[in-house]
């Protein structure tokens, strides 16, 4: 997915969130921003891996070089795992918000967190 396509989808998600009232939900907003940042980090790591390659050299104190796996790959894998967990959290927030809308009694704390009074 290109950056332009991702930004278009982000706008669509935010528009839908606005229609549902989620644009003022503290947890949705902060989690969505975190998810966007993780995707930006992944983009940078992908570029680094493409430029440097999967293998790189590491120079030791005495000047010896050793071939090692690019450390960006490990960072990429860790960031991907965090992005996936963040996406899961976003989906839980959306699902929980929809369930609240089904007519359950409104908890004052939840109303405040969702941007209410």
Protein backbone atom coordinates (compact mmCIF):
# COMPACT_ATOMS: atom_id res chain seq x y z
CA UNK A 1 0.00 0.00 0.00
CA UNK A 2 1.36 3.37 -0.93
CA UNK A 3 1.55 6.26 1.50
CA UNK A 4 -1.15 8.07 -0.48
CA UNK A 5 -3.50 5.06 -0.33
CA UNK A 6 -2.87 4.68 3.41
CA UNK A 7 -3.62 8.35 4.03
CA UNK A 8 -6.84 8.05 2.02
CA UNK A 9 -7.95 5.08 4.11
CA UNK A 10 -7.01 6.90 7.33
CA UNK A 11 -9.26 9.80 6.27
CA UNK A 12 -12.10 7.37 5.54
CA UNK A 13 -11.67 5.72 8.95
CA UNK A 14 -11.68 9.10 10.69
CA UNK A 15 -14.79 10.15 8.76
CA UNK A 16 -16.59 6.97 9.84
CA UNK A 17 -15.37 7.47 13.41
CA UNK A 18 -16.77 10.99 13.32
CA UNK A 19 -20.16 9.71 12.21
CA UNK A 20 -20.17 7.28 15.14
CA UNK A 21 -19.00 9.89 17.64
CA UNK A 22 -15.63 8.23 18.14
CA UNK A 23 -13.63 11.29 17.05
CA UNK A 24 -13.88 12.58 20.64
CA UNK A 25 -13.19 9.25 22.35
CA UNK A 26 -9.84 9.71 24.13
CA UNK A 27 -8.78 6.08 23.76
CA UNK A 28 -9.72 5.90 20.09
CA UNK A 29 -7.93 9.16 19.24
CA UNK A 30 -4.71 8.35 21.10
CA UNK A 31 -4.63 4.73 19.91
CA UNK A 32 -5.29 5.76 16.31
CA UNK A 33 -2.45 8.32 16.46
CA UNK A 34 -0.15 5.68 17.93
CA UNK A 35 -1.11 3.28 15.13
CA UNK A 36 -0.37 5.94 12.50
CA UNK A 37 3.06 6.56 14.04
CA UNK A 38 3.84 2.84 14.06
CA UNK A 39 2.98 2.65 10.36
CA UNK A 40 5.32 5.59 9.66
CA UNK A 41 8.11 3.84 11.58
CA UNK A 42 7.49 0.65 9.59
CA UNK A 43 7.74 2.62 6.35
CA UNK A 44 11.15 3.96 7.38
CA UNK A 45 12.36 0.54 8.44
CA UNK A 46 11.22 -0.95 5.12
CA UNK A 47 13.25 1.67 3.24
CA UNK A 48 16.30 0.96 5.40
CA UNK A 49 16.02 -2.79 4.81
CA UNK A 50 15.60 -2.22 1.06
CA UNK A 51 18.64 0.08 0.95
CA UNK A 52 20.98 -1.89 3.23
CA UNK A 53 19.69 -5.40 2.53
CA UNK A 54 18.99 -8.29 4.84
CA UNK A 55 22.64 -8.76 5.72
CA UNK A 56 25.15 -6.12 6.74
CA UNK A 57 28.59 -5.95 8.27
CA UNK A 58 29.43 -5.08 11.83
CA UNK A 59 32.88 -3.82 12.68
CA UNK A 60 34.38 -4.89 15.96
CA UNK A 61 36.87 -2.94 18.10
CA UNK A 62 39.93 -4.48 16.50
CA UNK A 63 38.66 -3.64 13.03
CA UNK A 64 37.38 -7.10 12.21
CA UNK A 65 34.19 -7.18 10.19
CA UNK A 66 31.50 -9.75 10.62
CA UNK A 67 28.43 -10.33 8.48
CA UNK A 68 25.25 -10.05 10.54
CA UNK A 69 21.51 -9.85 9.97
CA UNK A 70 20.40 -6.25 9.51
CA UNK A 71 19.20 -5.00 12.95
CA UNK A 72 16.39 -3.14 11.16
CA UNK A 73 14.74 -6.51 10.50
CA UNK A 74 14.38 -7.19 14.23
CA UNK A 75 13.08 -3.65 14.78
CA UNK A 76 10.65 -4.14 11.87
CA UNK A 77 9.34 -7.40 13.33
CA UNK A 78 8.89 -5.86 16.80
CA UNK A 79 7.18 -2.77 15.39
CA UNK A 80 4.89 -4.94 13.27
CA UNK A 81 3.86 -6.90 16.36
CA UNK A 82 3.10 -3.66 18.21
CA UNK A 83 1.15 -2.28 15.24
CA UNK A 84 -0.93 -5.46 15.09
CA UNK A 85 -1.71 -5.23 18.81
CA UNK A 86 -2.60 -1.57 18.42
CA UNK A 87 -4.95 -2.43 15.54
CA UNK A 88 -6.59 -5.06 17.77
CA UNK A 89 -7.05 -2.44 20.47
CA UNK A 90 -8.63 -0.04 17.98
CA UNK A 91 -11.08 -2.71 16.88
CA UNK A 92 -11.97 -3.46 20.51
CA UNK A 93 -12.58 0.25 21.17
CA UNK A 94 -14.84 0.49 18.11
CA UNK A 95 -16.71 -2.68 19.04
CA UNK A 96 -17.11 -1.53 22.65
CA UNK A 97 -18.38 1.85 21.52
CA UNK A 98 -20.98 0.21 19.26
CA UNK A 99 -22.17 -2.02 22.10
CA UNK A 100 -22.60 1.03 24.34
CA UNK A 101 -24.75 2.62 21.65
CA UNK A 102 -27.22 -0.27 21.77
CA UNK A 103 -29.09 1.33 24.63
CA UNK A 104 -27.16 0.28 27.70
CA UNK A 105 -27.09 2.65 30.64
CA UNK A 106 -24.45 5.32 30.16
CA UNK A 107 -21.62 5.22 32.67
CA UNK A 108 -20.55 8.80 33.54
CA UNK A 109 -16.86 7.91 33.22
CA UNK A 110 -17.42 6.33 29.82
CA UNK A 111 -19.44 9.35 28.72
CA UNK A 112 -16.55 11.63 29.71
CA UNK A 113 -13.94 9.44 27.99
CA UNK A 114 -16.09 9.36 24.86
CA UNK A 115 -16.07 13.15 24.72
CA UNK A 116 -19.37 13.81 26.50
CA UNK A 117 -20.07 16.11 29.43
